[in-house]
Amino acid sequence: MEQHPSYYTNIPAFVRYDEELLRKPKSILLYGEIVALSNQKGYCWASNSYFAERLRVSGRMIQDYLCFTTW
């Protein structure tokens, strides 16, 4: 059985409803992961490979999501 972290995140409306981000919905989840990890330790400590595994995408896609967004 796969274990999942027990933290949560709030994704603000400006992220949830951003037309550009909605074309790549996992970029919204990436935002949530970054915020949740930042809330957990006060900073985001995860690597691109960590996010790729969590979101089940390639490391290249994580890079694309990060370059794509305008947070």
Protein backbone atom coordinates (compact mmCIF):
# COMPACT_ATOMS: atom_id res chain seq x y z
CA MET A 1 0.00 0.00 0.00
CA GLU A 2 1.41 3.37 -1.04
CA GLN A 3 1.80 5.96 1.70
CA HIS A 4 0.89 9.59 1.16
CA PRO A 5 2.06 12.57 3.17
CA SER A 6 -0.53 13.83 5.64
CA TYR A 7 -0.32 17.54 4.89
CA TYR A 8 -2.78 19.73 3.09
CA THR A 9 -2.71 22.84 0.96
CA ASN A 10 -4.94 25.70 -0.03
CA ILE A 11 -4.84 26.58 -3.69
CA PRO A 12 -6.02 30.16 -4.15
CA ALA A 13 -8.62 31.08 -6.74
CA PHE A 14 -6.14 33.02 -8.88
CA VAL A 15 -4.28 29.72 -9.40
CA ARG A 16 -7.31 27.41 -9.67
CA TYR A 17 -9.01 29.50 -12.35
CA ASP A 18 -6.02 30.77 -14.31
CA GLU A 19 -6.79 30.00 -17.96
CA GLU A 20 -3.17 29.20 -18.83
CA LEU A 21 -2.71 26.89 -15.85
CA LEU A 22 -5.93 25.06 -16.63
CA ARG A 23 -4.31 23.89 -19.89
CA LYS A 24 -1.77 22.02 -17.74
CA PRO A 25 -3.79 20.99 -14.67
CA LYS A 26 -0.93 19.17 -12.97
CA SER A 27 0.85 22.52 -12.73
CA ILE A 28 -1.92 23.50 -10.29
CA LEU A 29 -1.21 20.37 -8.26
CA LEU A 30 2.49 21.22 -8.35
CA TYR A 31 1.68 24.62 -6.88
CA GLY A 32 -0.24 22.86 -4.11
CA GLU A 33 2.65 20.49 -3.40
CA ILE A 34 5.13 23.37 -3.19
CA VAL A 35 2.87 25.32 -0.82
CA ALA A 36 2.19 22.28 1.37
CA LEU A 37 5.89 21.45 1.72
CA SER A 38 6.66 25.10 2.43
CA ASN A 39 4.02 25.12 5.16
CA GLN A 40 5.41 21.90 6.62
CA LYS A 41 9.03 23.07 7.14
CA GLY A 42 8.95 26.76 6.31
CA TYR A 43 10.58 26.17 2.93
CA CYS A 44 10.24 23.81 -0.01
CA TRP A 45 12.94 21.17 0.19
CA ALA A 46 11.86 18.81 -2.59
CA SER A 47 13.63 18.12 -5.87
CA ASN A 48 12.12 17.94 -9.32
CA SER A 49 12.37 14.15 -9.15
CA TYR A 50 10.35 14.15 -5.92
CA PHE A 51 7.59 16.14 -7.60
CA ALA A 52 7.76 13.97 -10.72
CA GLU A 53 7.21 10.86 -8.63
CA ARG A 54 4.36 12.42 -6.63
CA LEU A 55 2.56 13.72 -9.72
CA ARG A 56 3.46 10.70 -11.90
CA VAL A 57 5.08 12.74 -14.65
CA SER A 58 8.62 13.08 -15.96
CA GLY A 59 11.21 15.39 -14.48
CA ARG A 60 11.08 17.31 -17.75
CA MET A 61 7.36 17.95 -17.24
CA ILE A 62 8.08 19.38 -13.78
CA GLN A 63 10.60 21.73 -15.37
CA ASP A 64 8.01 22.71 -17.97
CA TYR A 65 5.40 23.36 -15.29
CA LEU A 66 7.81 25.55 -13.34
CA CYS A 67 8.78 27.53 -16.44
CA PHE A 68 5.16 27.72 -17.57
CA THR A 69 3.80 29.29 -14.41
CA THR A 70 3.90 32.92 -13.35
CA TRP A 71 3.43 32.51 -9.61
